[in-house]
Amino acid sequence: MAPHLLFVRLPVSHPVPVMEEKKLVKPDQTSASESPWPLGDRLLRLLWEFCWFAFCGWTPKPLNPWRVLWLRLFGAKIHGTPFVHQRARISIPWNLTLHDRACLGDRANAYSLGQIEIGARATVAQEVYLSTGTHDFARPAIPLVTARINIGHDAFIGARAFVMPGITVGAGSIIGACSVVTKDVPPGVMAAGNPCRVLRPRTPPNAG
C-alpha cells in the first residue's frame, strides 16, 4: 500500500513548532443541536460524499489520478502526484493540501473540518485518524472548534494512530502504530505511545 520508507538524517535540535491556534467555527452558537455550518456548506459536503462514493470509492489503486482529479474538482490543493487510497475518507476536500508523493492510506480518515496539510513523501498509513475538530466543553452549546494539522515532509504516521487538532508532526519523524498524538512532534525523531512521546532520534539504517 505505502511507498518504501525514506531514511533521512534531520537535526533533532530543530525547534518544535508552536501548536496551531484553535478557532470556533460559529462563535455565536447557542445550542448543541445547532449546526455550525451554513446550508450551502452542508449541501456541498453531501455532494462531495456522493461523488466520492459513486465515482471513486470502488476504483482500483492504479486509478489514483482519477481520484486526485475529483479532489481537485472539490477544491483540494494538490502539488505533484500524491496517492489517495480509494477507501480513504476526506470530510471536506477544500481543506486538504497534499504535496508530491504524499500518501493517504487505506481507510485513513482526514477529518478536515479544519485545514490538513500532508508534506511531500509523507505517509499517513491505514486507519490513521487526523482530527482537526473538537468542541469547547466549557460552553453549554459545546461549539465546534477546529485547528490545523501539519504532517511534515518524509514523515510516517503508523497504522491507527490518532492525531489531535492543532498538531504538527515534524519533517522525517515516525509516529508508531496506535499512538495518540497530543503534542507537536519535532523533526527527525521516532515517537510512540498514548500519549505519544519522543523515543529517540531517527537515523539511517547504516548509521553507527
N, C-alpha and C. Protein backbone atom coordinates (compact mmCIF):
# COMPACT_ATOMS: atom_id res chain seq x y z
N MET A 1 0.83 -1.21 0.00
CA MET A 1 0.00 0.00 0.00
C MET A 1 0.87 1.25 0.00
N ALA A 2 1.79 1.34 0.98
CA ALA A 2 2.56 2.56 1.15
C ALA A 2 3.88 2.46 0.41
N PRO A 3 4.44 3.60 0.00
CA PRO A 3 5.75 3.57 -0.63
C PRO A 3 6.82 3.20 0.38
N HIS A 4 8.01 2.79 -0.12
CA HIS A 4 9.10 2.44 0.77
C HIS A 4 9.48 3.64 1.63
N LEU A 5 9.89 3.36 2.88
CA LEU A 5 10.31 4.43 3.78
C LEU A 5 11.59 5.07 3.26
N LEU A 6 11.70 6.37 3.42
CA LEU A 6 12.92 7.09 3.09
C LEU A 6 13.61 7.45 4.38
N PHE A 7 14.83 6.96 4.58
CA PHE A 7 15.55 7.25 5.80
C PHE A 7 16.38 8.51 5.59
N VAL A 8 16.13 9.47 6.44
CA VAL A 8 16.82 10.74 6.31
C VAL A 8 17.35 11.14 7.67
N ARG A 9 18.46 11.87 7.68
CA ARG A 9 19.01 12.40 8.93
C ARG A 9 18.64 13.87 9.01
N LEU A 10 17.89 14.20 10.01
CA LEU A 10 17.44 15.58 10.20
C LEU A 10 17.84 16.05 11.58
N PRO A 11 18.10 17.33 11.76
CA PRO A 11 18.57 17.82 13.06
C PRO A 11 17.48 17.74 14.11
N VAL A 12 17.75 17.02 15.19
CA VAL A 12 16.78 16.87 16.26
C VAL A 12 16.66 18.16 17.07
N SER A 13 17.70 19.01 16.98
CA SER A 13 17.69 20.26 17.74
C SER A 13 16.80 21.32 17.12
N HIS A 14 16.18 21.00 15.99
CA HIS A 14 15.25 21.93 15.32
C HIS A 14 14.14 22.30 16.30
N PRO A 15 13.81 23.60 16.42
CA PRO A 15 12.77 23.99 17.37
C PRO A 15 11.43 23.36 17.07
N VAL A 16 10.71 22.97 18.11
CA VAL A 16 9.39 22.38 17.94
C VAL A 16 8.41 23.47 17.54
N PRO A 17 7.62 23.28 16.47
CA PRO A 17 6.65 24.29 16.06
C PRO A 17 5.59 24.51 17.13
N VAL A 18 5.07 25.72 17.18
CA VAL A 18 4.01 26.03 18.13
C VAL A 18 2.71 25.43 17.63
N MET A 19 1.94 24.83 18.53
CA MET A 19 0.67 24.23 18.14
C MET A 19 -0.25 25.27 17.53
N GLU A 20 -0.95 24.86 16.51
CA GLU A 20 -1.85 25.77 15.81
C GLU A 20 -2.97 26.25 16.73
N GLU A 21 -3.31 27.52 16.56
CA GLU A 21 -4.37 28.10 17.38
C GLU A 21 -5.73 27.52 16.98
N LYS A 22 -6.53 27.19 17.99
CA LYS A 22 -7.86 26.67 17.72
C LYS A 22 -8.84 27.82 17.51
N LYS A 23 -9.86 27.58 16.68
CA LYS A 23 -10.84 28.63 16.42
C LYS A 23 -12.24 28.05 16.43
N LEU A 24 -13.17 28.84 16.91
CA LEU A 24 -14.58 28.46 16.91
C LEU A 24 -15.13 28.60 15.50
N VAL A 25 -15.85 27.58 15.04
CA VAL A 25 -16.45 27.65 13.72
C VAL A 25 -17.62 28.62 13.72
N LYS A 26 -18.42 28.59 14.79
CA LYS A 26 -19.57 29.50 14.89
C LYS A 26 -19.61 30.06 16.32
N PRO A 27 -18.94 31.18 16.56
CA PRO A 27 -18.83 31.72 17.92
C PRO A 27 -20.16 32.02 18.60
N ASP A 28 -21.20 32.34 17.82
CA ASP A 28 -22.49 32.69 18.41
C ASP A 28 -23.44 31.50 18.51
N GLN A 29 -22.91 30.28 18.42
CA GLN A 29 -23.76 29.09 18.52
C GLN A 29 -24.42 29.04 19.90
N THR A 30 -25.72 28.79 19.93
CA THR A 30 -26.49 28.84 21.18
C THR A 30 -26.98 27.48 21.65
N SER A 31 -26.90 26.45 20.79
CA SER A 31 -27.42 25.14 21.16
C SER A 31 -26.49 24.06 20.64
N ALA A 32 -26.37 22.98 21.41
CA ALA A 32 -25.52 21.86 20.99
C ALA A 32 -26.09 21.16 19.75
N SER A 33 -27.39 21.29 19.52
CA SER A 33 -28.02 20.64 18.37
C SER A 33 -27.99 21.51 17.12
N GLU A 34 -27.47 22.71 17.23
CA GLU A 34 -27.42 23.64 16.09
C GLU A 34 -26.19 23.36 15.25
N SER A 35 -26.37 23.25 13.94
CA SER A 35 -25.22 23.03 13.06
C SER A 35 -24.38 24.29 12.96
N PRO A 36 -23.05 24.16 13.06
CA PRO A 36 -22.19 25.33 12.90
C PRO A 36 -21.96 25.71 11.44
N TRP A 37 -22.42 24.86 10.51
CA TRP A 37 -22.12 25.07 9.10
C TRP A 37 -23.28 25.74 8.37
N PRO A 38 -23.02 26.68 7.48
CA PRO A 38 -24.07 27.26 6.63
C PRO A 38 -24.69 26.17 5.74
N LEU A 39 -25.91 26.39 5.31
CA LEU A 39 -26.63 25.42 4.48
C LEU A 39 -25.85 25.08 3.22
N GLY A 40 -25.25 26.09 2.58
CA GLY A 40 -24.50 25.85 1.36
C GLY A 40 -23.34 24.88 1.58
N ASP A 41 -22.65 25.04 2.70
CA ASP A 41 -21.54 24.13 3.02
C ASP A 41 -22.04 22.71 3.23
N ARG A 42 -23.15 22.58 3.90
CA ARG A 42 -23.70 21.23 4.17
C ARG A 42 -24.11 20.54 2.88
N LEU A 43 -24.72 21.30 1.97
CA LEU A 43 -25.13 20.71 0.69
C LEU A 43 -23.92 20.32 -0.15
N LEU A 44 -22.88 21.16 -0.13
CA LEU A 44 -21.69 20.85 -0.89
C LEU A 44 -20.98 19.61 -0.33
N ARG A 45 -20.99 19.46 0.98
CA ARG A 45 -20.39 18.26 1.58
C ARG A 45 -21.18 17.01 1.22
N LEU A 46 -22.51 17.11 1.16
CA LEU A 46 -23.32 15.98 0.72
C LEU A 46 -23.00 15.59 -0.72
N LEU A 47 -22.83 16.61 -1.57
CA LEU A 47 -22.48 16.35 -2.97
C LEU A 47 -21.12 15.67 -3.05
N TRP A 48 -20.17 16.15 -2.26
CA TRP A 48 -18.84 15.54 -2.24
C TRP A 48 -18.91 14.07 -1.82
N GLU A 49 -19.63 13.78 -0.75
CA GLU A 49 -19.71 12.40 -0.27
C GLU A 49 -20.35 11.49 -1.32
N PHE A 50 -21.35 11.99 -2.02
CA PHE A 50 -21.97 11.20 -3.08
C PHE A 50 -20.98 10.94 -4.21
N CYS A 51 -20.26 11.98 -4.64
CA CYS A 51 -19.34 11.83 -5.76
C CYS A 51 -18.19 10.88 -5.41
N TRP A 52 -17.66 10.97 -4.19
CA TRP A 52 -16.58 10.07 -3.81
C TRP A 52 -17.06 8.62 -3.78
N PHE A 53 -18.26 8.42 -3.23
CA PHE A 53 -18.83 7.07 -3.17
C PHE A 53 -19.11 6.53 -4.57
N ALA A 54 -19.71 7.37 -5.41
CA ALA A 54 -20.16 6.89 -6.72
C ALA A 54 -19.03 6.76 -7.73
N PHE A 55 -18.05 7.67 -7.67
CA PHE A 55 -17.05 7.72 -8.73
C PHE A 55 -15.64 7.31 -8.30
N CYS A 56 -15.39 7.21 -7.00
CA CYS A 56 -14.02 6.96 -6.54
C CYS A 56 -13.88 5.76 -5.61
N GLY A 57 -14.87 5.54 -4.74
CA GLY A 57 -14.74 4.54 -3.69
C GLY A 57 -14.56 3.12 -4.18
N TRP A 58 -14.95 2.83 -5.40
CA TRP A 58 -14.85 1.48 -5.96
C TRP A 58 -13.62 1.30 -6.84
N THR A 59 -12.86 2.36 -7.08
CA THR A 59 -11.81 2.30 -8.09
C THR A 59 -10.57 1.55 -7.58
N PRO A 60 -9.86 0.84 -8.46
CA PRO A 60 -8.62 0.17 -8.06
C PRO A 60 -7.49 1.18 -7.88
N LYS A 61 -6.42 0.72 -7.23
CA LYS A 61 -5.29 1.61 -6.94
C LYS A 61 -4.74 2.33 -8.16
N PRO A 62 -4.57 1.65 -9.31
CA PRO A 62 -3.98 2.35 -10.47
C PRO A 62 -4.78 3.56 -10.96
N LEU A 63 -6.03 3.68 -10.55
CA LEU A 63 -6.83 4.84 -10.96
C LEU A 63 -6.66 6.02 -9.99
N ASN A 64 -5.54 6.06 -9.30
CA ASN A 64 -5.25 7.18 -8.40
C ASN A 64 -5.39 8.55 -9.09
N PRO A 65 -4.90 8.74 -10.31
CA PRO A 65 -5.07 10.06 -10.95
C PRO A 65 -6.54 10.49 -11.05
N TRP A 66 -7.44 9.53 -11.26
CA TRP A 66 -8.87 9.83 -11.32
C TRP A 66 -9.37 10.35 -9.97
N ARG A 67 -8.93 9.70 -8.89
CA ARG A 67 -9.36 10.13 -7.55
C ARG A 67 -8.79 11.51 -7.23
N VAL A 68 -7.53 11.72 -7.59
CA VAL A 68 -6.91 13.03 -7.34
C VAL A 68 -7.62 14.12 -8.14
N LEU A 69 -8.07 13.77 -9.36
CA LEU A 69 -8.84 14.73 -10.16
C LEU A 69 -10.09 15.18 -9.42
N TRP A 70 -10.82 14.23 -8.83
CA TRP A 70 -12.03 14.58 -8.10
C TRP A 70 -11.72 15.44 -6.87
N LEU A 71 -10.62 15.16 -6.22
CA LEU A 71 -10.22 16.02 -5.11
C LEU A 71 -9.95 17.44 -5.59
N ARG A 72 -9.27 17.57 -6.72
CA ARG A 72 -9.02 18.90 -7.29
C ARG A 72 -10.34 19.62 -7.61
N LEU A 73 -11.28 18.87 -8.20
CA LEU A 73 -12.56 19.48 -8.58
C LEU A 73 -13.29 20.05 -7.37
N PHE A 74 -13.09 19.43 -6.21
CA PHE A 74 -13.74 19.91 -4.99
C PHE A 74 -12.83 20.78 -4.13
N GLY A 75 -11.79 21.31 -4.74
CA GLY A 75 -11.03 22.37 -4.08
C GLY A 75 -9.81 21.95 -3.30
N ALA A 76 -9.46 20.66 -3.31
CA ALA A 76 -8.23 20.26 -2.62
C ALA A 76 -7.03 20.87 -3.34
N LYS A 77 -6.01 21.21 -2.56
CA LYS A 77 -4.79 21.81 -3.12
C LYS A 77 -3.78 20.68 -3.34
N ILE A 78 -3.54 20.37 -4.59
CA ILE A 78 -2.72 19.23 -4.98
C ILE A 78 -1.42 19.73 -5.60
N HIS A 79 -0.30 19.23 -5.09
CA HIS A 79 1.01 19.57 -5.62
C HIS A 79 1.70 18.28 -6.06
N GLY A 80 2.08 18.20 -7.32
CA GLY A 80 2.73 17.00 -7.82
C GLY A 80 1.74 15.85 -7.92
N THR A 81 2.19 14.65 -7.52
CA THR A 81 1.38 13.45 -7.66
C THR A 81 1.29 12.71 -6.33
N PRO A 82 0.35 13.08 -5.48
CA PRO A 82 0.13 12.32 -4.25
C PRO A 82 -0.67 11.05 -4.53
N PHE A 83 -0.73 10.17 -3.55
CA PHE A 83 -1.54 8.96 -3.67
C PHE A 83 -2.64 8.99 -2.61
N VAL A 84 -3.87 8.75 -3.04
CA VAL A 84 -5.02 8.69 -2.13
C VAL A 84 -5.73 7.36 -2.35
N HIS A 85 -5.77 6.54 -1.32
CA HIS A 85 -6.41 5.23 -1.43
C HIS A 85 -7.91 5.38 -1.67
N GLN A 86 -8.48 4.42 -2.39
CA GLN A 86 -9.91 4.50 -2.69
C GLN A 86 -10.79 4.42 -1.45
N ARG A 87 -10.28 3.83 -0.37
CA ARG A 87 -11.08 3.73 0.86
C ARG A 87 -10.70 4.80 1.89
N ALA A 88 -9.85 5.75 1.50
CA ALA A 88 -9.58 6.89 2.39
C ALA A 88 -10.84 7.74 2.52
N ARG A 89 -10.95 8.43 3.64
CA ARG A 89 -12.10 9.31 3.87
C ARG A 89 -11.60 10.74 4.06
N ILE A 90 -12.20 11.64 3.31
CA ILE A 90 -11.85 13.07 3.41
C ILE A 90 -13.14 13.83 3.66
N SER A 91 -13.24 14.46 4.82
CA SER A 91 -14.51 15.11 5.18
C SER A 91 -14.79 16.34 4.32
N ILE A 92 -13.82 17.24 4.22
CA ILE A 92 -14.00 18.48 3.46
C ILE A 92 -12.77 18.65 2.58
N PRO A 93 -12.86 18.27 1.32
CA PRO A 93 -11.66 18.27 0.47
C PRO A 93 -11.03 19.64 0.28
N TRP A 94 -11.82 20.71 0.30
CA TRP A 94 -11.24 22.04 0.09
C TRP A 94 -10.39 22.49 1.28
N ASN A 95 -10.38 21.70 2.36
CA ASN A 95 -9.48 21.98 3.49
C ASN A 95 -8.24 21.09 3.48
N LEU A 96 -8.01 20.37 2.40
CA LEU A 96 -6.91 19.41 2.34
C LEU A 96 -5.84 19.87 1.36
N THR A 97 -4.58 19.80 1.79
CA THR A 97 -3.43 20.08 0.92
C THR A 97 -2.54 18.85 0.89
N LEU A 98 -2.26 18.34 -0.31
CA LEU A 98 -1.40 17.18 -0.48
C LEU A 98 -0.23 17.55 -1.37
N HIS A 99 0.98 17.21 -0.92
CA HIS A 99 2.17 17.50 -1.70
C HIS A 99 2.64 16.25 -2.45
N ASP A 100 3.63 16.42 -3.31
CA ASP A 100 4.08 15.36 -4.21
C ASP A 100 4.47 14.09 -3.45
N ARG A 101 3.89 12.97 -3.86
CA ARG A 101 4.14 11.63 -3.32
C ARG A 101 3.67 11.47 -1.88
N ALA A 102 2.89 12.41 -1.38
CA ALA A 102 2.21 12.19 -0.10
C ALA A 102 1.25 11.02 -0.27
N CYS A 103 1.05 10.25 0.79
CA CYS A 103 0.21 9.06 0.71
C CYS A 103 -0.84 9.09 1.81
N LEU A 104 -2.10 8.96 1.42
CA LEU A 104 -3.22 8.84 2.35
C LEU A 104 -3.76 7.43 2.19
N GLY A 105 -3.54 6.58 3.21
CA GLY A 105 -3.68 5.15 3.07
C GLY A 105 -5.09 4.60 3.21
N ASP A 106 -5.17 3.29 3.16
CA ASP A 106 -6.42 2.54 3.23
C ASP A 106 -7.18 2.86 4.52
N ARG A 107 -8.39 3.39 4.37
CA ARG A 107 -9.27 3.75 5.48
C ARG A 107 -8.70 4.83 6.39
N ALA A 108 -7.67 5.52 5.94
CA ALA A 108 -7.21 6.70 6.67
C ALA A 108 -8.32 7.74 6.64
N ASN A 109 -8.48 8.47 7.74
CA ASN A 109 -9.58 9.43 7.85
C ASN A 109 -9.01 10.83 8.04
N ALA A 110 -9.11 11.64 6.99
CA ALA A 110 -8.73 13.04 7.07
C ALA A 110 -9.99 13.83 7.47
N TYR A 111 -10.17 13.98 8.78
CA TYR A 111 -11.36 14.67 9.31
C TYR A 111 -11.08 16.18 9.23
N SER A 112 -11.19 16.68 8.01
CA SER A 112 -10.70 18.01 7.67
C SER A 112 -11.75 19.10 7.87
N LEU A 113 -12.29 19.16 9.08
CA LEU A 113 -13.16 20.30 9.41
C LEU A 113 -12.34 21.58 9.44
N GLY A 114 -11.06 21.44 9.76
CA GLY A 114 -10.07 22.50 9.62
C GLY A 114 -9.05 22.06 8.59
N GLN A 115 -8.02 22.86 8.39
CA GLN A 115 -7.03 22.58 7.37
C GLN A 115 -6.13 21.40 7.76
N ILE A 116 -5.82 20.54 6.78
CA ILE A 116 -4.83 19.47 6.92
C ILE A 116 -3.85 19.61 5.77
N GLU A 117 -2.56 19.60 6.09
CA GLU A 117 -1.53 19.63 5.07
C GLU A 117 -0.59 18.45 5.27
N ILE A 118 -0.39 17.66 4.22
CA ILE A 118 0.47 16.48 4.26
C ILE A 118 1.62 16.74 3.31
N GLY A 119 2.84 16.75 3.86
CA GLY A 119 4.01 17.15 3.10
C GLY A 119 4.48 16.11 2.10
N ALA A 120 5.43 16.52 1.29
CA ALA A 120 5.96 15.66 0.22
C ALA A 120 6.55 14.38 0.80
N ARG A 121 6.18 13.27 0.20
CA ARG A 121 6.67 11.92 0.54
C ARG A 121 6.26 11.47 1.94
N ALA A 122 5.37 12.19 2.58
CA ALA A 122 4.86 11.75 3.88
C ALA A 122 3.81 10.66 3.68
N THR A 123 3.76 9.71 4.62
CA THR A 123 2.81 8.62 4.55
C THR A 123 1.87 8.66 5.76
N VAL A 124 0.59 8.66 5.49
CA VAL A 124 -0.44 8.50 6.52
C VAL A 124 -1.00 7.11 6.31
N ALA A 125 -0.62 6.17 7.17
CA ALA A 125 -0.88 4.75 6.94
C ALA A 125 -2.34 4.40 7.19
N GLN A 126 -2.65 3.10 7.04
CA GLN A 126 -4.03 2.64 7.11
C GLN A 126 -4.67 2.94 8.46
N GLU A 127 -5.91 3.44 8.37
CA GLU A 127 -6.79 3.69 9.52
C GLU A 127 -6.26 4.76 10.48
N VAL A 128 -5.32 5.56 10.02
CA VAL A 128 -4.93 6.73 10.81
C VAL A 128 -6.08 7.72 10.83
N TYR A 129 -6.25 8.42 11.96
CA TYR A 129 -7.31 9.42 12.09
C TYR A 129 -6.66 10.78 12.34
N LEU A 130 -6.79 11.68 11.37
CA LEU A 130 -6.32 13.06 11.52
C LEU A 130 -7.51 13.92 11.86
N SER A 131 -7.65 14.31 13.11
CA SER A 131 -8.85 15.00 13.58
C SER A 131 -8.57 16.48 13.81
N THR A 132 -9.12 17.32 12.96
CA THR A 132 -8.97 18.77 13.15
C THR A 132 -10.10 19.36 13.98
N GLY A 133 -11.06 18.54 14.39
CA GLY A 133 -12.23 19.06 15.09
C GLY A 133 -12.37 18.56 16.51
N THR A 134 -12.82 19.46 17.39
CA THR A 134 -13.17 19.10 18.76
C THR A 134 -14.27 20.07 19.19
N HIS A 135 -14.52 20.17 20.49
CA HIS A 135 -15.57 21.06 20.99
C HIS A 135 -15.07 21.85 22.19
N ASP A 136 -15.66 23.02 22.38
CA ASP A 136 -15.38 23.81 23.58
C ASP A 136 -16.37 23.37 24.65
N PHE A 137 -15.94 22.44 25.51
CA PHE A 137 -16.84 21.86 26.50
C PHE A 137 -17.09 22.78 27.69
N ALA A 138 -16.41 23.93 27.72
CA ALA A 138 -16.66 24.90 28.78
C ALA A 138 -17.93 25.72 28.52
N ARG A 139 -18.46 25.65 27.31
CA ARG A 139 -19.67 26.39 26.94
C ARG A 139 -20.85 25.44 26.88
N PRO A 140 -22.02 25.88 27.29
CA PRO A 140 -23.20 25.00 27.27
C PRO A 140 -23.53 24.48 25.87
N ALA A 141 -23.27 25.28 24.84
CA ALA A 141 -23.60 24.88 23.47
C ALA A 141 -22.53 23.96 22.88
N ILE A 142 -21.46 23.68 23.61
CA ILE A 142 -20.30 22.90 23.14
C ILE A 142 -20.01 23.14 21.65
N PRO A 143 -19.70 24.40 21.29
CA PRO A 143 -19.50 24.73 19.87
C PRO A 143 -18.29 24.00 19.29
N LEU A 144 -18.34 23.79 17.99
CA LEU A 144 -17.26 23.12 17.27
C LEU A 144 -16.03 24.02 17.23
N VAL A 145 -14.88 23.41 17.49
CA VAL A 145 -13.59 24.10 17.45
C VAL A 145 -12.70 23.33 16.48
N THR A 146 -11.97 24.06 15.64
CA THR A 146 -11.06 23.41 14.70
C THR A 146 -9.65 23.97 14.86
N ALA A 147 -8.66 23.16 14.45
CA ALA A 147 -7.27 23.61 14.43
C ALA A 147 -6.52 22.80 13.38
N ARG A 148 -5.63 23.45 12.70
CA ARG A 148 -4.90 22.88 11.57
C ARG A 148 -3.96 21.76 12.01
N ILE A 149 -3.84 20.73 11.17
CA ILE A 149 -2.86 19.66 11.34
C ILE A 149 -1.85 19.74 10.20
N ASN A 150 -0.56 19.68 10.56
CA ASN A 150 0.52 19.69 9.58
C ASN A 150 1.35 18.42 9.72
N ILE A 151 1.49 17.67 8.64
CA ILE A 151 2.36 16.50 8.61
C ILE A 151 3.55 16.86 7.72
N GLY A 152 4.76 16.89 8.31
CA GLY A 152 5.94 17.35 7.59
C GLY A 152 6.38 16.38 6.50
N HIS A 153 7.22 16.87 5.62
CA HIS A 153 7.71 16.03 4.53
C HIS A 153 8.50 14.84 5.06
N ASP A 154 8.36 13.72 4.42
CA ASP A 154 9.05 12.47 4.75
C ASP A 154 8.65 11.89 6.11
N ALA A 155 7.59 12.39 6.71
CA ALA A 155 7.11 11.80 7.97
C ALA A 155 6.32 10.52 7.67
N PHE A 156 6.16 9.69 8.70
CA PHE A 156 5.39 8.44 8.56
C PHE A 156 4.50 8.31 9.79
N ILE A 157 3.19 8.27 9.57
CA ILE A 157 2.23 8.12 10.65
C ILE A 157 1.74 6.68 10.62
N GLY A 158 2.07 5.89 11.66
CA GLY A 158 1.79 4.47 11.68
C GLY A 158 0.30 4.16 11.78
N ALA A 159 -0.04 2.93 11.44
CA ALA A 159 -1.43 2.49 11.37
C ALA A 159 -2.18 2.77 12.67
N ARG A 160 -3.40 3.26 12.51
CA ARG A 160 -4.36 3.50 13.59
C ARG A 160 -3.91 4.54 14.61
N ALA A 161 -2.93 5.34 14.25
CA ALA A 161 -2.57 6.47 15.12
C ALA A 161 -3.68 7.51 15.08
N PHE A 162 -3.81 8.27 16.16
CA PHE A 162 -4.81 9.34 16.25
C PHE A 162 -4.05 10.65 16.48
N VAL A 163 -4.25 11.61 15.58
CA VAL A 163 -3.58 12.90 15.67
C VAL A 163 -4.61 13.96 16.04
N MET A 164 -4.38 14.63 17.16
CA MET A 164 -5.33 15.59 17.69
C MET A 164 -5.30 16.92 16.92
N PRO A 165 -6.33 17.77 17.10
CA PRO A 165 -6.35 19.06 16.42
C PRO A 165 -5.16 19.93 16.82
N GLY A 166 -4.64 20.68 15.84
CA GLY A 166 -3.59 21.64 16.10
C GLY A 166 -2.19 21.08 16.12
N ILE A 167 -2.01 19.81 15.76
CA ILE A 167 -0.72 19.15 15.89
C ILE A 167 0.12 19.33 14.62
N THR A 168 1.43 19.52 14.83
CA THR A 168 2.41 19.47 13.76
C THR A 168 3.35 18.31 14.02
N VAL A 169 3.47 17.42 13.04
CA VAL A 169 4.45 16.34 13.08
C VAL A 169 5.61 16.78 12.19
N GLY A 170 6.79 16.89 12.78
CA GLY A 170 7.93 17.44 12.07
C GLY A 170 8.42 16.57 10.93
N ALA A 171 9.17 17.18 10.03
CA ALA A 171 9.70 16.51 8.85
C ALA A 171 10.53 15.29 9.25
N GLY A 172 10.29 14.17 8.57
CA GLY A 172 11.09 12.98 8.76
C GLY A 172 10.80 12.17 10.01
N SER A 173 9.84 12.57 10.80
CA SER A 173 9.55 11.85 12.04
C SER A 173 8.63 10.66 11.78
N ILE A 174 8.73 9.65 12.66
CA ILE A 174 7.90 8.46 12.57
C ILE A 174 7.04 8.39 13.82
N ILE A 175 5.73 8.19 13.63
CA ILE A 175 4.79 8.01 14.72
C ILE A 175 4.38 6.54 14.74
N GLY A 176 4.57 5.88 15.88
CA GLY A 176 4.28 4.46 15.98
C GLY A 176 2.81 4.15 15.86
N ALA A 177 2.51 2.91 15.46
CA ALA A 177 1.12 2.48 15.30
C ALA A 177 0.34 2.64 16.59
N CYS A 178 -0.92 3.04 16.46
CA CYS A 178 -1.88 3.17 17.57
C CYS A 178 -1.51 4.27 18.56
N SER A 179 -0.59 5.14 18.20
CA SER A 179 -0.23 6.25 19.10
C SER A 179 -1.34 7.30 19.11
N VAL A 180 -1.39 8.07 20.21
CA VAL A 180 -2.30 9.21 20.32
C VAL A 180 -1.44 10.45 20.46
N VAL A 181 -1.42 11.27 19.41
CA VAL A 181 -0.52 12.41 19.34
C VAL A 181 -1.24 13.64 19.89
N THR A 182 -0.83 14.07 21.08
CA THR A 182 -1.49 15.19 21.76
C THR A 182 -0.63 16.45 21.79
N LYS A 183 0.65 16.32 21.40
CA LYS A 183 1.56 17.46 21.37
C LYS A 183 2.36 17.41 20.08
N ASP A 184 2.88 18.57 19.68
CA ASP A 184 3.71 18.63 18.49
C ASP A 184 4.91 17.69 18.61
N VAL A 185 5.30 17.11 17.49
CA VAL A 185 6.44 16.20 17.42
C VAL A 185 7.53 16.88 16.61
N PRO A 186 8.75 16.99 17.16
CA PRO A 186 9.83 17.68 16.42
C PRO A 186 10.29 16.88 15.22
N PRO A 187 11.06 17.50 14.35
CA PRO A 187 11.55 16.79 13.16
C PRO A 187 12.58 15.71 13.53
N GLY A 188 12.64 14.68 12.69
CA GLY A 188 13.72 13.72 12.75
C GLY A 188 13.75 12.81 13.95
N VAL A 189 12.58 12.44 14.50
CA VAL A 189 12.55 11.58 15.67
C VAL A 189 11.60 10.41 15.45
N MET A 190 11.72 9.42 16.32
CA MET A 190 10.74 8.34 16.40
C MET A 190 9.96 8.54 17.68
N ALA A 191 8.63 8.49 17.59
CA ALA A 191 7.76 8.75 18.73
C ALA A 191 6.62 7.75 18.72
N ALA A 192 6.13 7.40 19.92
CA ALA A 192 5.04 6.43 20.02
C ALA A 192 4.43 6.52 21.40
N GLY A 193 3.24 5.91 21.54
CA GLY A 193 2.61 5.79 22.85
C GLY A 193 1.32 6.55 22.97
N ASN A 194 0.67 6.39 24.12
CA ASN A 194 -0.56 7.09 24.47
C ASN A 194 -0.41 7.64 25.89
N PRO A 195 -0.09 8.95 25.98
CA PRO A 195 0.12 9.91 24.88
C PRO A 195 1.46 9.68 24.21
N CYS A 196 1.55 10.12 22.97
CA CYS A 196 2.76 9.93 22.18
C CYS A 196 3.91 10.75 22.76
N ARG A 197 5.10 10.14 22.84
CA ARG A 197 6.29 10.84 23.31
C ARG A 197 7.48 10.44 22.45
N VAL A 198 8.47 11.30 22.42
CA VAL A 198 9.67 11.05 21.63
C VAL A 198 10.47 9.93 22.28
N LEU A 199 10.87 8.94 21.46
CA LEU A 199 11.65 7.82 21.96
C LEU A 199 13.13 7.98 21.68
N ARG A 200 13.48 8.39 20.45
CA ARG A 200 14.89 8.53 20.07
C ARG A 200 14.95 9.23 18.73
N PRO A 201 16.14 9.68 18.36
CA PRO A 201 16.29 10.27 17.03
C PRO A 201 16.10 9.21 15.95
N ARG A 202 15.65 9.62 14.81
CA ARG A 202 15.55 8.73 13.66
C ARG A 202 16.86 8.82 12.88
N THR A 203 17.46 7.69 12.59
CA THR A 203 18.73 7.67 11.88
C THR A 203 18.67 6.65 10.76
N PRO A 204 19.52 6.83 9.72
CA PRO A 204 19.55 5.85 8.63
C PRO A 204 19.99 4.48 9.14
N PRO A 205 19.61 3.38 8.46
CA PRO A 205 19.92 2.05 8.93
C PRO A 205 21.41 1.75 8.97
N ASN A 206 22.23 2.49 8.19
CA ASN A 206 23.65 2.23 8.16
C ASN A 206 24.44 3.14 9.10
N ALA A 207 23.70 3.90 9.92
CA ALA A 207 24.39 4.79 10.87
C ALA A 207 24.95 3.99 12.02
N GLY A 208 26.10 4.41 12.53
CA GLY A 208 26.72 3.72 13.64
C GLY A 208 25.98 3.92 14.92
